[in-house]
Amino acid sequence: MGVKSKTRAEKRKEDMKSISFAKLNNCPTSPRKMRLIADMIRGKKVEHALLMLKNSPQVSSGRIHTLLKSAIANWQAKNEGARLEDSDLYIKEISVDSGRVLKRIRTAPQGRAHRIKKRSNHVTLIVDSQNKPAAEVEETTTETNE
């Protein structure tokens, strides 16, 4: 590994320590159905998104509801001193990518066979606080001034 790649990898590692996220891999729902739910909650406050997901009739909303609770727990683990009520959490980013596709065969009339694609997806959810701690705000202001 070159010096440039190594420094970039170390920077990415440091950035991941401050970001609170959760991942759901190989969820057996089509990405198109999952994106409808993801678009519904993107950019919303966490409390509002949890209520929307709980009252939504789609199966995908239950899976994203669990994923969102996991992301909140990860945020609490990284920010032990901060209170959840005071932090003003929101969904910073949510992305749905297609996962593996299982190919199956269904019998059709006159001896034919039709292909069925059973799609799955990967969901990544990033949670962030709108109220930054004072130490982080000072660091960002000194970086912009230099």
N, C-alpha and C. Protein backbone atom coordinates (compact mmCIF):
# COMPACT_ATOMS: atom_id res chain seq x y z
N MET A 1 0.84 -1.17 0.00
CA MET A 1 0.00 0.00 0.00
C MET A 1 0.89 1.23 0.00
N GLY A 2 0.56 2.17 -0.88
CA GLY A 2 1.33 3.40 -0.98
C GLY A 2 1.01 4.35 0.16
N VAL A 3 1.82 5.39 0.25
CA VAL A 3 1.65 6.37 1.32
C VAL A 3 0.32 7.11 1.17
N LYS A 4 -0.02 7.45 -0.06
CA LYS A 4 -1.25 8.19 -0.31
C LYS A 4 -2.48 7.35 0.08
N SER A 5 -2.47 6.09 -0.30
CA SER A 5 -3.59 5.19 0.04
C SER A 5 -3.67 4.97 1.54
N LYS A 6 -2.52 4.85 2.17
CA LYS A 6 -2.50 4.60 3.60
C LYS A 6 -3.05 5.79 4.38
N THR A 7 -2.66 7.00 4.01
CA THR A 7 -3.17 8.18 4.70
C THR A 7 -4.67 8.34 4.47
N ARG A 8 -5.12 8.03 3.25
CA ARG A 8 -6.55 8.12 2.95
C ARG A 8 -7.34 7.09 3.76
N ALA A 9 -6.78 5.89 3.91
CA ALA A 9 -7.44 4.85 4.70
C ALA A 9 -7.49 5.23 6.18
N GLU A 10 -6.42 5.80 6.69
CA GLU A 10 -6.40 6.23 8.08
C GLU A 10 -7.40 7.36 8.33
N LYS A 11 -7.52 8.28 7.37
CA LYS A 11 -8.49 9.37 7.49
C LYS A 11 -9.91 8.81 7.49
N ARG A 12 -10.18 7.85 6.62
CA ARG A 12 -11.50 7.23 6.55
C ARG A 12 -11.83 6.52 7.86
N LYS A 13 -10.83 5.87 8.46
CA LYS A 13 -11.02 5.19 9.74
C LYS A 13 -11.38 6.18 10.84
N GLU A 14 -10.67 7.31 10.87
CA GLU A 14 -10.95 8.34 11.87
C GLU A 14 -12.35 8.93 11.69
N ASP A 15 -12.74 9.13 10.44
CA ASP A 15 -14.08 9.67 10.17
C ASP A 15 -15.17 8.70 10.61
N MET A 16 -14.92 7.40 10.44
CA MET A 16 -15.91 6.40 10.81
C MET A 16 -16.08 6.30 12.32
N LYS A 17 -15.08 6.73 13.08
CA LYS A 17 -15.20 6.70 14.54
C LYS A 17 -16.20 7.74 15.03
N SER A 18 -16.35 8.83 14.29
CA SER A 18 -17.26 9.89 14.73
C SER A 18 -18.66 9.75 14.14
N ILE A 19 -18.83 8.93 13.10
CA ILE A 19 -20.13 8.77 12.46
C ILE A 19 -20.87 7.61 13.11
N SER A 20 -22.16 7.83 13.38
CA SER A 20 -23.00 6.77 13.93
C SER A 20 -23.89 6.22 12.81
N PHE A 21 -23.73 4.95 12.52
CA PHE A 21 -24.48 4.36 11.41
C PHE A 21 -24.88 2.94 11.75
N ALA A 22 -25.77 2.41 10.92
CA ALA A 22 -26.18 1.01 11.04
C ALA A 22 -26.40 0.48 9.63
N LYS A 23 -26.12 -0.81 9.44
CA LYS A 23 -26.26 -1.44 8.13
C LYS A 23 -27.17 -2.65 8.22
N LEU A 24 -27.93 -2.85 7.18
CA LEU A 24 -28.78 -4.03 7.04
C LEU A 24 -28.43 -4.66 5.70
N ASN A 25 -27.84 -5.84 5.73
CA ASN A 25 -27.39 -6.50 4.51
C ASN A 25 -28.30 -7.67 4.14
N ASN A 26 -28.45 -7.87 2.84
CA ASN A 26 -29.22 -8.98 2.27
C ASN A 26 -30.63 -9.07 2.84
N CYS A 27 -31.31 -7.95 2.88
CA CYS A 27 -32.70 -7.91 3.31
C CYS A 27 -33.57 -8.42 2.16
N PRO A 28 -34.41 -9.43 2.38
CA PRO A 28 -35.15 -10.05 1.28
C PRO A 28 -36.37 -9.26 0.82
N THR A 29 -36.16 -8.02 0.45
CA THR A 29 -37.19 -7.16 -0.11
C THR A 29 -36.59 -6.50 -1.34
N SER A 30 -37.40 -6.21 -2.33
CA SER A 30 -36.83 -5.57 -3.52
C SER A 30 -36.37 -4.15 -3.17
N PRO A 31 -35.28 -3.70 -3.77
CA PRO A 31 -34.76 -2.37 -3.47
C PRO A 31 -35.75 -1.25 -3.78
N ARG A 32 -36.59 -1.47 -4.77
CA ARG A 32 -37.56 -0.44 -5.15
C ARG A 32 -38.57 -0.20 -4.03
N LYS A 33 -39.05 -1.26 -3.41
CA LYS A 33 -40.00 -1.13 -2.30
C LYS A 33 -39.33 -0.50 -1.08
N MET A 34 -38.07 -0.86 -0.85
CA MET A 34 -37.35 -0.32 0.30
C MET A 34 -37.04 1.17 0.10
N ARG A 35 -36.77 1.58 -1.14
CA ARG A 35 -36.46 2.99 -1.41
C ARG A 35 -37.66 3.89 -1.16
N LEU A 36 -38.87 3.38 -1.35
CA LEU A 36 -40.06 4.17 -1.07
C LEU A 36 -40.12 4.56 0.41
N ILE A 37 -39.78 3.61 1.27
CA ILE A 37 -39.77 3.88 2.71
C ILE A 37 -38.60 4.79 3.07
N ALA A 38 -37.44 4.55 2.45
CA ALA A 38 -36.26 5.35 2.75
C ALA A 38 -36.48 6.81 2.36
N ASP A 39 -37.13 7.05 1.22
CA ASP A 39 -37.40 8.42 0.78
C ASP A 39 -38.38 9.11 1.73
N MET A 40 -39.26 8.33 2.34
CA MET A 40 -40.26 8.87 3.24
C MET A 40 -39.62 9.47 4.50
N ILE A 41 -38.52 8.87 4.99
CA ILE A 41 -37.92 9.32 6.26
C ILE A 41 -36.62 10.08 6.11
N ARG A 42 -36.11 10.21 4.90
CA ARG A 42 -34.81 10.88 4.69
C ARG A 42 -34.86 12.33 5.16
N GLY A 43 -33.90 12.70 6.03
CA GLY A 43 -33.78 14.07 6.52
C GLY A 43 -34.71 14.41 7.68
N LYS A 44 -35.53 13.49 8.13
CA LYS A 44 -36.48 13.75 9.21
C LYS A 44 -35.80 13.59 10.57
N LYS A 45 -36.43 14.16 11.58
CA LYS A 45 -35.97 13.95 12.95
C LYS A 45 -36.25 12.50 13.34
N VAL A 46 -35.43 11.96 14.24
CA VAL A 46 -35.50 10.55 14.59
C VAL A 46 -36.85 10.18 15.22
N GLU A 47 -37.34 11.02 16.12
CA GLU A 47 -38.61 10.72 16.79
C GLU A 47 -39.76 10.67 15.79
N HIS A 48 -39.76 11.63 14.86
CA HIS A 48 -40.80 11.68 13.84
C HIS A 48 -40.71 10.47 12.90
N ALA A 49 -39.48 10.10 12.53
CA ALA A 49 -39.28 8.96 11.64
C ALA A 49 -39.72 7.65 12.30
N LEU A 50 -39.43 7.49 13.59
CA LEU A 50 -39.85 6.28 14.30
C LEU A 50 -41.37 6.15 14.32
N LEU A 51 -42.07 7.26 14.53
CA LEU A 51 -43.53 7.23 14.51
C LEU A 51 -44.07 6.89 13.12
N MET A 52 -43.45 7.49 12.10
CA MET A 52 -43.89 7.21 10.73
C MET A 52 -43.69 5.74 10.37
N LEU A 53 -42.55 5.18 10.76
CA LEU A 53 -42.26 3.79 10.44
C LEU A 53 -43.15 2.83 11.22
N LYS A 54 -43.45 3.18 12.46
CA LYS A 54 -44.28 2.30 13.29
C LYS A 54 -45.71 2.22 12.74
N ASN A 55 -46.22 3.31 12.20
CA ASN A 55 -47.59 3.35 11.71
C ASN A 55 -47.73 3.04 10.23
N SER A 56 -46.64 2.73 9.56
CA SER A 56 -46.69 2.42 8.14
C SER A 56 -47.03 0.94 7.94
N PRO A 57 -47.90 0.60 6.98
CA PRO A 57 -48.33 -0.79 6.81
C PRO A 57 -47.34 -1.68 6.06
N GLN A 58 -46.33 -1.11 5.40
CA GLN A 58 -45.41 -1.91 4.61
C GLN A 58 -44.50 -2.77 5.50
N VAL A 59 -44.12 -3.93 4.98
CA VAL A 59 -43.22 -4.83 5.71
C VAL A 59 -41.84 -4.19 5.83
N SER A 60 -41.42 -3.46 4.81
CA SER A 60 -40.11 -2.82 4.80
C SER A 60 -39.96 -1.81 5.92
N SER A 61 -41.06 -1.16 6.31
CA SER A 61 -40.97 -0.14 7.35
C SER A 61 -40.59 -0.75 8.70
N GLY A 62 -41.02 -1.98 8.97
CA GLY A 62 -40.62 -2.65 10.21
C GLY A 62 -39.14 -2.92 10.26
N ARG A 63 -38.57 -3.29 9.13
CA ARG A 63 -37.13 -3.57 9.07
C ARG A 63 -36.31 -2.29 9.23
N ILE A 64 -36.75 -1.21 8.61
CA ILE A 64 -36.03 0.06 8.74
C ILE A 64 -36.22 0.62 10.15
N HIS A 65 -37.37 0.37 10.77
CA HIS A 65 -37.62 0.80 12.15
C HIS A 65 -36.58 0.17 13.08
N THR A 66 -36.35 -1.13 12.92
CA THR A 66 -35.34 -1.84 13.73
C THR A 66 -33.95 -1.29 13.44
N LEU A 67 -33.67 -1.01 12.17
CA LEU A 67 -32.36 -0.48 11.78
C LEU A 67 -32.14 0.90 12.39
N LEU A 68 -33.17 1.72 12.41
CA LEU A 68 -33.06 3.07 12.99
C LEU A 68 -32.81 3.00 14.49
N LYS A 69 -33.47 2.09 15.18
CA LYS A 69 -33.21 1.92 16.61
C LYS A 69 -31.77 1.47 16.86
N SER A 70 -31.24 0.65 15.98
CA SER A 70 -29.85 0.21 16.09
C SER A 70 -28.89 1.38 15.89
N ALA A 71 -29.18 2.24 14.92
CA ALA A 71 -28.33 3.41 14.68
C ALA A 71 -28.36 4.37 15.87
N ILE A 72 -29.52 4.51 16.50
CA ILE A 72 -29.63 5.36 17.69
C ILE A 72 -28.80 4.78 18.83
N ALA A 73 -28.85 3.46 19.00
CA ALA A 73 -28.05 2.81 20.04
C ALA A 73 -26.55 2.99 19.76
N ASN A 74 -26.15 2.92 18.50
CA ASN A 74 -24.75 3.15 18.14
C ASN A 74 -24.35 4.59 18.44
N TRP A 75 -25.26 5.56 18.20
CA TRP A 75 -24.96 6.95 18.52
C TRP A 75 -24.78 7.12 20.02
N GLN A 76 -25.63 6.47 20.82
CA GLN A 76 -25.52 6.57 22.27
C GLN A 76 -24.22 5.95 22.77
N ALA A 77 -23.77 4.88 22.13
CA ALA A 77 -22.51 4.24 22.54
C ALA A 77 -21.31 5.15 22.27
N LYS A 78 -21.37 5.91 21.18
CA LYS A 78 -20.25 6.80 20.85
C LYS A 78 -20.29 8.11 21.61
N ASN A 79 -21.47 8.54 22.04
CA ASN A 79 -21.64 9.80 22.76
C ASN A 79 -22.25 9.51 24.13
N GLU A 80 -21.44 8.96 25.02
CA GLU A 80 -21.95 8.52 26.32
C GLU A 80 -22.41 9.66 27.19
N GLY A 81 -21.77 10.81 27.11
CA GLY A 81 -22.13 11.92 27.99
C GLY A 81 -23.37 12.68 27.54
N ALA A 82 -23.72 12.59 26.26
CA ALA A 82 -24.83 13.38 25.73
C ALA A 82 -26.17 12.68 25.97
N ARG A 83 -27.20 13.50 26.20
CA ARG A 83 -28.55 12.95 26.37
C ARG A 83 -29.24 12.89 25.02
N LEU A 84 -30.03 11.86 24.83
CA LEU A 84 -30.71 11.66 23.56
C LEU A 84 -31.75 12.75 23.29
N GLU A 85 -32.42 13.21 24.34
CA GLU A 85 -33.47 14.23 24.18
C GLU A 85 -32.88 15.58 23.79
N ASP A 86 -31.70 15.90 24.30
CA ASP A 86 -31.07 17.20 24.03
C ASP A 86 -30.30 17.23 22.72
N SER A 87 -30.00 16.07 22.15
CA SER A 87 -29.11 16.02 21.01
C SER A 87 -29.77 16.40 19.69
N ASP A 88 -31.09 16.29 19.59
CA ASP A 88 -31.82 16.65 18.37
C ASP A 88 -31.32 15.83 17.17
N LEU A 89 -31.44 14.51 17.27
CA LEU A 89 -30.96 13.61 16.22
C LEU A 89 -31.84 13.67 14.98
N TYR A 90 -31.21 13.50 13.84
CA TYR A 90 -31.95 13.41 12.58
C TYR A 90 -31.27 12.39 11.67
N ILE A 91 -31.97 11.95 10.65
CA ILE A 91 -31.43 10.98 9.71
C ILE A 91 -30.64 11.75 8.66
N LYS A 92 -29.33 11.67 8.77
CA LYS A 92 -28.47 12.44 7.89
C LYS A 92 -28.45 11.83 6.49
N GLU A 93 -28.38 10.52 6.43
CA GLU A 93 -28.26 9.86 5.13
C GLU A 93 -28.83 8.46 5.23
N ILE A 94 -29.56 8.04 4.21
CA ILE A 94 -30.03 6.67 4.12
C ILE A 94 -29.92 6.26 2.66
N SER A 95 -29.28 5.13 2.42
CA SER A 95 -29.11 4.66 1.05
C SER A 95 -29.51 3.20 0.96
N VAL A 96 -30.15 2.87 -0.16
CA VAL A 96 -30.59 1.51 -0.42
C VAL A 96 -29.91 1.05 -1.70
N ASP A 97 -29.10 0.02 -1.60
CA ASP A 97 -28.40 -0.55 -2.75
C ASP A 97 -28.93 -1.96 -2.98
N SER A 98 -28.85 -2.41 -4.22
CA SER A 98 -29.34 -3.76 -4.49
C SER A 98 -28.33 -4.78 -3.98
N GLY A 99 -28.84 -5.88 -3.50
CA GLY A 99 -28.00 -6.96 -2.98
C GLY A 99 -28.00 -8.12 -3.96
N ARG A 100 -27.85 -9.30 -3.43
CA ARG A 100 -27.82 -10.47 -4.31
C ARG A 100 -29.21 -10.75 -4.88
N VAL A 101 -29.22 -11.40 -6.04
CA VAL A 101 -30.47 -11.76 -6.71
C VAL A 101 -30.51 -13.28 -6.83
N LEU A 102 -31.49 -13.89 -6.22
CA LEU A 102 -31.66 -15.34 -6.33
C LEU A 102 -32.51 -15.63 -7.56
N LYS A 103 -32.02 -16.49 -8.43
CA LYS A 103 -32.75 -16.80 -9.66
C LYS A 103 -33.44 -18.14 -9.50
N ARG A 104 -34.75 -18.13 -9.70
CA ARG A 104 -35.56 -19.33 -9.57
C ARG A 104 -36.32 -19.56 -10.86
N ILE A 105 -36.85 -20.76 -11.02
CA ILE A 105 -37.61 -21.12 -12.21
C ILE A 105 -39.02 -21.51 -11.81
N ARG A 106 -40.01 -20.95 -12.51
CA ARG A 106 -41.41 -21.30 -12.30
C ARG A 106 -41.92 -21.97 -13.57
N THR A 107 -42.67 -23.02 -13.40
CA THR A 107 -43.21 -23.73 -14.56
C THR A 107 -44.23 -22.85 -15.27
N ALA A 108 -44.25 -22.96 -16.60
CA ALA A 108 -45.16 -22.17 -17.44
C ALA A 108 -45.89 -23.12 -18.38
N PRO A 109 -46.92 -22.65 -19.05
CA PRO A 109 -47.67 -23.53 -19.95
C PRO A 109 -46.83 -24.07 -21.11
N GLN A 110 -47.24 -25.21 -21.63
CA GLN A 110 -46.65 -25.86 -22.81
C GLN A 110 -45.18 -26.21 -22.59
N GLY A 111 -44.84 -26.63 -21.40
CA GLY A 111 -43.50 -27.12 -21.12
C GLY A 111 -42.43 -26.05 -21.00
N ARG A 112 -42.82 -24.81 -20.92
CA ARG A 112 -41.84 -23.73 -20.81
C ARG A 112 -41.50 -23.47 -19.34
N ALA A 113 -40.49 -22.62 -19.13
CA ALA A 113 -40.10 -22.22 -17.77
C ALA A 113 -39.83 -20.72 -17.78
N HIS A 114 -40.36 -20.04 -16.78
CA HIS A 114 -40.12 -18.61 -16.63
C HIS A 114 -39.16 -18.36 -15.48
N ARG A 115 -38.28 -17.36 -15.66
CA ARG A 115 -37.34 -17.01 -14.60
C ARG A 115 -37.99 -16.08 -13.61
N ILE A 116 -37.70 -16.29 -12.36
CA ILE A 116 -38.14 -15.39 -11.30
C ILE A 116 -36.89 -14.87 -10.61
N LYS A 117 -36.83 -13.55 -10.43
CA LYS A 117 -35.70 -12.95 -9.72
C LYS A 117 -36.17 -12.55 -8.33
N LYS A 118 -35.61 -13.17 -7.32
CA LYS A 118 -35.90 -12.79 -5.94
C LYS A 118 -34.81 -11.83 -5.50
N ARG A 119 -35.17 -10.57 -5.45
CA ARG A 119 -34.19 -9.51 -5.18
C ARG A 119 -34.02 -9.28 -3.68
N SER A 120 -32.85 -8.77 -3.32
CA SER A 120 -32.59 -8.36 -1.95
C SER A 120 -31.85 -7.02 -1.99
N ASN A 121 -31.64 -6.41 -0.83
CA ASN A 121 -31.00 -5.11 -0.82
C ASN A 121 -30.14 -4.92 0.41
N HIS A 122 -29.32 -3.88 0.36
CA HIS A 122 -28.49 -3.45 1.48
C HIS A 122 -28.91 -2.02 1.84
N VAL A 123 -29.15 -1.78 3.12
CA VAL A 123 -29.55 -0.45 3.58
C VAL A 123 -28.49 0.09 4.53
N THR A 124 -28.05 1.32 4.32
CA THR A 124 -27.12 1.99 5.21
C THR A 124 -27.79 3.26 5.73
N LEU A 125 -27.82 3.42 7.04
CA LEU A 125 -28.51 4.55 7.67
C LEU A 125 -27.52 5.28 8.56
N ILE A 126 -27.37 6.60 8.36
CA ILE A 126 -26.45 7.41 9.16
C ILE A 126 -27.27 8.42 9.96
N VAL A 127 -27.02 8.45 11.26
CA VAL A 127 -27.71 9.35 12.18
C VAL A 127 -26.72 10.39 12.68
N ASP A 128 -27.16 11.65 12.78
CA ASP A 128 -26.28 12.71 13.26
C ASP A 128 -27.08 13.66 14.15
N SER A 129 -26.36 14.42 14.94
CA SER A 129 -26.98 15.38 15.85
C SER A 129 -26.89 16.77 15.25
N GLN A 130 -27.99 17.53 15.36
CA GLN A 130 -27.96 18.90 14.87
C GLN A 130 -27.28 19.81 15.88
N ASN A 131 -27.32 19.46 17.15
CA ASN A 131 -26.65 20.23 18.20
C ASN A 131 -25.28 19.62 18.43
N LYS A 132 -24.24 20.23 17.87
CA LYS A 132 -22.88 19.72 18.02
C LYS A 132 -22.33 20.12 19.38
N PRO A 133 -21.52 19.25 20.01
CA PRO A 133 -20.84 19.66 21.25
C PRO A 133 -19.89 20.82 20.98
N ALA A 134 -19.59 21.59 22.01
CA ALA A 134 -18.78 22.80 21.86
C ALA A 134 -17.38 22.50 21.34
N ALA A 135 -16.78 21.39 21.71
CA ALA A 135 -15.43 21.05 21.27
C ALA A 135 -15.39 20.84 19.75
N GLU A 136 -16.42 20.19 19.19
CA GLU A 136 -16.44 19.96 17.75
C GLU A 136 -16.64 21.25 16.98
N VAL A 137 -17.45 22.16 17.50
CA VAL A 137 -17.70 23.43 16.83
C VAL A 137 -16.42 24.25 16.78
N GLU A 138 -15.62 24.26 17.86
CA GLU A 138 -14.37 25.00 17.89
C GLU A 138 -13.37 24.43 16.89
N GLU A 139 -13.33 23.09 16.75
CA GLU A 139 -12.40 22.48 15.81
C GLU A 139 -12.73 22.87 14.38
N THR A 140 -14.01 22.87 14.03
CA THR A 140 -14.39 23.20 12.66
C THR A 140 -14.14 24.67 12.34
N THR A 141 -14.31 25.55 13.31
CA THR A 141 -14.06 26.98 13.06
C THR A 141 -12.57 27.26 12.90
N THR A 142 -11.72 26.57 13.64
CA THR A 142 -10.27 26.78 13.50
C THR A 142 -9.78 26.22 12.18
N GLU A 143 -10.39 25.13 11.70
CA GLU A 143 -9.96 24.56 10.42
C GLU A 143 -10.34 25.48 9.26
N THR A 144 -11.50 26.11 9.32
CA THR A 144 -11.91 27.01 8.24
C THR A 144 -11.13 28.31 8.24
N ASN A 145 -10.68 28.75 9.41
CA ASN A 145 -9.92 30.00 9.48
C ASN A 145 -8.51 29.86 8.98
N GLU A 146 -7.96 28.67 8.98
CA GLU A 146 -6.56 28.48 8.58
C GLU A 146 -6.38 28.49 7.10
